[in-house]
Amino acid sequence: MSTASTLIDAQQRLLRVAARAIGRAHLAHAYGHCSVRLSPGEFLVCAAKPMGLIGGSDTGTVVNVDGALPEGVLGEVRIHQEIYRQHPHVGGVVRSMPPAVMALSAARLTPRCLHGIGTYFSAGVPLWDDPQLVRTPEQAAGVVETLGAASAVVMRGNGAVVAGASLEEAVVLTWYLEDAARMDLALRGAGLSDRAAVIPQAEVELRATRAGRIFERMWEYLTAGDPEGTAIGSA
């Protein structure tokens, strides 16, 4: 087997593990998708089926960052395409439907930075204020323009998109985003929103450490028990 074939097989496996992790964590239901960059001009997107149901024989599709989507690839994969095209540092993208994130978004709100996990969104979480499915290049470009330099963009009533330096990072950040939303939603539901202690920027930058295997441990937690489980960086 060639080196190129070995690499693509490893990325296919990583994609399946990531998709199932998102499904198990209830960050997506029947809808959503994830992808991993293969090269400056190509990425691999997961099979067009519920991520939690992706099996060992399911393979992703290679997509070019420019041009039309391949046959059978879901329309909103244009968002992935546009992110990879505009942001060369991005190595993985997750399109998900986290319930607390969606609840806040229906009120045109995104999670505030209220606890340690929320500090990983120091650039804030912008809102794409449109509940429609993103099915055109123009819509995808609008979502990515809204994303800007942030790690995540929330789509009103339509889930979220998270971009990371790797697919593993994007999966972990998706979980972090939902946990930040859960915290914010709980305070609002308890009538304590006005008393919420939003963490100031100076403290955010100090708290958002990656030391101590912060991301690696969450990846291990989210992928525990997966038959194709893989450590960060092993794909």
Protein backbone atom coordinates (compact mmCIF):
# COMPACT_ATOMS: atom_id res chain seq x y z
CA MET A 1 0.00 0.00 0.00
CA SER A 2 1.36 3.44 -0.95
CA THR A 3 2.03 6.19 1.56
CA ALA A 4 -0.79 8.23 0.02
CA SER A 5 -3.24 5.34 0.41
CA THR A 6 -2.21 4.81 4.02
CA LEU A 7 -2.74 8.51 4.75
CA ILE A 8 -6.21 8.62 3.20
CA ASP A 9 -7.21 5.44 5.06
CA ALA A 10 -6.11 7.02 8.33
CA GLN A 11 -8.08 10.18 7.58
CA GLN A 12 -11.16 8.15 6.66
CA ARG A 13 -10.91 6.38 10.01
CA LEU A 14 -10.45 9.67 11.88
CA LEU A 15 -13.49 11.09 10.10
CA ARG A 16 -15.66 8.14 11.16
CA VAL A 17 -14.46 8.33 14.77
CA ALA A 18 -15.13 12.06 14.90
CA ALA A 19 -18.60 11.71 13.37
CA ARG A 20 -19.62 9.02 15.84
CA ALA A 21 -18.26 11.06 18.75
CA ILE A 22 -20.46 13.99 17.73
CA GLY A 23 -23.46 11.70 17.52
CA ARG A 24 -22.81 10.01 20.88
CA ALA A 25 -22.46 13.38 22.59
CA HIS A 26 -25.86 14.44 21.19
CA LEU A 27 -24.25 17.33 19.35
CA ALA A 28 -26.06 16.30 16.17
CA HIS A 29 -29.06 14.14 15.32
CA ALA A 30 -30.03 13.17 11.78
CA TYR A 31 -28.39 16.28 10.39
CA GLY A 32 -24.82 17.51 10.44
CA HIS A 33 -21.43 16.64 9.00
CA CYS A 34 -17.73 16.92 9.65
CA SER A 35 -14.63 17.14 7.50
CA VAL A 36 -10.85 17.05 7.60
CA ARG A 37 -8.40 18.85 5.34
CA LEU A 38 -6.26 16.61 3.14
CA SER A 39 -4.18 19.26 1.37
CA PRO A 40 -4.33 22.98 0.61
CA GLY A 41 -6.85 22.28 -2.12
CA GLU A 42 -8.83 19.26 -0.89
CA PHE A 43 -10.77 18.02 2.12
CA LEU A 44 -12.61 14.85 3.09
CA VAL A 45 -16.23 15.11 4.24
CA CYS A 46 -18.08 12.33 6.05
CA ALA A 47 -20.75 10.15 4.48
CA ALA A 48 -24.13 11.83 3.96
CA LYS A 49 -25.95 10.05 6.77
CA PRO A 50 -26.59 10.65 10.49
CA MET A 51 -23.12 10.95 12.01
CA GLY A 52 -23.91 8.67 14.92
CA LEU A 53 -24.82 5.91 12.47
CA ILE A 54 -21.65 6.05 10.38
CA GLY A 55 -20.08 2.60 10.36
CA GLY A 56 -16.68 1.14 9.66
CA SER A 57 -17.44 0.59 5.99
CA ASP A 58 -18.68 4.14 5.35
CA THR A 59 -16.25 6.35 3.48
CA GLY A 60 -16.08 10.09 3.09
CA THR A 61 -15.88 11.99 -0.17
CA VAL A 62 -12.95 14.07 -1.34
CA VAL A 63 -14.05 17.63 -2.14
CA ASN A 64 -12.07 20.38 -3.85
CA VAL A 65 -12.03 23.75 -2.11
CA ASP A 66 -12.98 25.35 -5.42
CA GLY A 67 -15.73 24.42 -7.84
CA ALA A 68 -18.91 22.39 -7.67
CA LEU A 69 -19.60 19.83 -4.96
CA PRO A 70 -19.30 16.18 -6.01
CA GLU A 71 -22.50 14.25 -6.60
CA GLY A 72 -24.04 12.97 -3.38
CA VAL A 73 -22.36 15.55 -1.14
CA LEU A 74 -24.79 17.57 0.98
CA GLY A 75 -25.42 21.19 0.00
CA GLU A 76 -24.27 22.74 3.27
CA VAL A 77 -20.81 21.25 2.75
CA ARG A 78 -20.31 24.50 0.83
CA ILE A 79 -19.70 26.04 4.26
CA HIS A 80 -16.76 23.67 4.82
CA GLN A 81 -15.53 24.45 1.32
CA GLU A 82 -15.59 28.19 1.94
CA ILE A 83 -13.88 27.90 5.34
CA TYR A 84 -11.03 25.84 3.91
CA ARG A 85 -10.71 28.22 0.98
CA GLN A 86 -10.57 31.36 3.12
CA HIS A 87 -8.70 30.00 6.15
CA PRO A 88 -5.60 27.96 5.26
CA HIS A 89 -4.86 27.28 8.95
CA VAL A 90 -8.12 25.34 9.44
CA GLY A 91 -7.68 21.57 9.44
CA GLY A 92 -11.15 20.39 10.47
CA VAL A 93 -14.76 21.58 10.42
CA VAL A 94 -17.85 20.38 12.29
CA ARG A 95 -21.42 21.32 11.31
CA SER A 96 -23.63 20.33 14.23
CA MET A 97 -27.01 20.80 15.91
CA PRO A 98 -26.25 21.27 19.63
CA PRO A 99 -29.56 21.71 21.50
CA ALA A 100 -28.60 24.43 24.01
CA VAL A 101 -26.81 26.41 21.29
CA MET A 102 -29.92 26.18 19.13
CA ALA A 103 -32.20 27.26 21.98
CA LEU A 104 -30.16 30.40 22.62
CA SER A 105 -29.92 31.14 18.91
CA ALA A 106 -33.70 31.18 18.58
CA ALA A 107 -33.56 34.29 20.78
CA ARG A 108 -30.69 35.67 18.68
CA LEU A 109 -28.25 34.89 21.49
CA THR A 110 -24.92 33.07 21.52
CA PRO A 111 -23.10 31.71 24.59
CA ARG A 112 -21.39 34.18 26.88
CA CYS A 113 -18.06 33.41 28.50
CA LEU A 114 -19.20 32.29 31.96
CA HIS A 115 -16.94 29.37 32.90
CA GLY A 116 -13.56 27.89 32.05
CA ILE A 117 -14.69 25.99 28.99
CA GLY A 118 -16.26 29.11 27.56
CA THR A 119 -12.91 30.89 27.53
CA TYR A 120 -11.85 28.97 24.42
CA PHE A 121 -14.09 31.31 22.44
CA SER A 122 -12.20 34.46 23.37
CA ALA A 123 -13.02 36.05 20.00
CA GLY A 124 -16.71 35.70 20.83
CA VAL A 125 -19.32 33.60 19.03
CA PRO A 126 -20.97 35.51 16.18
CA LEU A 127 -24.52 34.86 14.98
CA TRP A 128 -25.54 34.19 11.38
CA ASP A 129 -29.02 35.68 11.68
CA ASP A 130 -30.80 33.55 9.11
CA PRO A 131 -32.64 30.26 9.78
CA GLN A 132 -32.54 29.09 6.16
CA LEU A 133 -30.47 26.13 5.01
CA VAL A 134 -27.22 27.21 3.37
CA ARG A 135 -27.47 25.85 -0.15
CA THR A 136 -25.72 28.45 -2.31
CA PRO A 137 -22.11 29.67 -2.56
CA GLU A 138 -23.30 33.16 -1.67
CA GLN A 139 -24.93 31.97 1.55
CA ALA A 140 -21.84 29.95 2.47
CA ALA A 141 -19.63 32.98 1.90
CA GLY A 142 -21.92 34.99 4.17
CA VAL A 143 -21.66 32.43 6.97
CA VAL A 144 -17.86 32.38 6.72
CA GLU A 145 -17.69 36.17 6.61
CA THR A 146 -19.72 36.19 9.83
CA LEU A 147 -17.37 33.60 11.34
CA GLY A 148 -14.42 35.90 10.71
CA ALA A 149 -11.51 35.10 13.02
CA ALA A 150 -13.69 33.23 15.52
CA SER A 151 -13.64 29.47 16.07
CA ALA A 152 -17.41 29.09 15.87
CA VAL A 153 -20.43 30.68 14.27
CA VAL A 154 -23.98 30.02 15.44
CA MET A 155 -26.74 29.88 12.84
CA ARG A 156 -30.11 31.12 14.13
CA GLY A 157 -32.33 28.11 14.73
CA ASN A 158 -29.99 26.02 12.60
CA GLY A 159 -27.09 24.81 14.72
CA ALA A 160 -23.46 25.82 14.54
CA VAL A 161 -20.25 25.52 12.56
CA VAL A 162 -16.92 25.10 14.34
CA ALA A 163 -13.49 25.29 12.74
CA GLY A 164 -10.27 24.02 14.30
CA ALA A 165 -6.63 23.53 13.48
CA SER A 166 -7.48 19.82 13.30
CA LEU A 167 -10.68 17.79 13.15
CA GLU A 168 -10.06 16.61 16.71
CA GLU A 169 -9.87 20.22 17.87
CA ALA A 170 -13.07 21.11 16.01
CA VAL A 171 -14.90 18.23 17.70
CA VAL A 172 -13.67 19.26 21.15
CA LEU A 173 -14.57 22.90 20.51
CA THR A 174 -18.06 21.83 19.44
CA TRP A 175 -18.53 20.14 22.82
CA TYR A 176 -17.13 23.23 24.55
CA LEU A 177 -19.55 25.47 22.65
CA GLU A 178 -22.54 23.40 23.73
CA ASP A 179 -21.34 23.36 27.34
CA ALA A 180 -20.97 27.15 27.28
CA ALA A 181 -24.51 27.40 25.93
CA ARG A 182 -25.79 24.98 28.57
CA MET A 183 -24.32 27.16 31.32
CA ASP A 184 -25.75 30.35 29.83
CA LEU A 185 -29.17 28.81 29.25
CA ALA A 186 -29.30 27.46 32.82
CA LEU A 187 -28.59 30.88 34.32
CA ARG A 188 -31.17 32.53 32.10
CA GLY A 189 -33.73 29.86 32.98
CA ALA A 190 -33.09 30.40 36.69
CA GLY A 191 -33.63 34.14 36.32
CA LEU A 192 -29.98 34.82 37.11
CA SER A 193 -28.87 36.25 33.77
CA ASP A 194 -28.35 39.73 35.21
CA ARG A 195 -26.08 38.27 37.89
CA ALA A 196 -23.98 36.22 35.48
CA ALA A 197 -20.26 36.82 36.03
CA VAL A 198 -18.98 37.17 32.49
CA ILE A 199 -15.24 36.48 32.49
CA PRO A 200 -13.26 39.58 31.43
CA GLN A 201 -10.92 39.36 28.45
CA ALA A 202 -7.71 39.50 30.50
CA GLU A 203 -8.82 36.47 32.52
CA VAL A 204 -10.10 34.68 29.42
CA GLU A 205 -6.67 34.69 27.83
CA LEU A 206 -5.09 33.35 31.02
CA ARG A 207 -7.68 30.59 31.52
CA ALA A 208 -7.83 29.30 27.94
CA THR A 209 -4.74 27.13 28.32
CA ARG A 210 -3.92 24.09 26.22
CA ALA A 211 -1.38 22.77 28.70
CA GLY A 212 -2.12 19.61 30.66
CA ARG A 213 -3.50 17.75 27.62
CA ILE A 214 -6.70 19.79 27.81
CA PHE A 215 -7.88 19.00 24.30
CA GLU A 216 -6.41 15.50 24.23
CA ARG A 217 -8.30 14.44 27.36
CA MET A 218 -11.61 15.71 26.03
CA TRP A 219 -11.01 13.91 22.73
CA GLU A 220 -10.30 10.72 24.67
CA TYR A 221 -13.52 11.20 26.65
CA LEU A 222 -15.63 11.80 23.55
CA THR A 223 -14.18 8.85 21.61
CA ALA A 224 -13.95 6.35 24.48
CA GLY A 225 -15.13 2.90 23.44
CA ASP A 226 -15.13 3.64 19.72
CA PRO A 227 -14.04 0.52 17.79
CA GLU A 228 -11.78 2.63 15.59
CA GLY A 229 -10.70 5.03 18.34
CA THR A 230 -7.64 7.13 17.64
CA ALA A 231 -5.49 9.47 19.70
CA ILE A 232 -5.00 13.08 18.65
CA GLY A 233 -2.31 13.29 16.01
CA SER A 234 -2.23 9.55 15.30
CA ALA A 235 -4.25 9.67 12.09
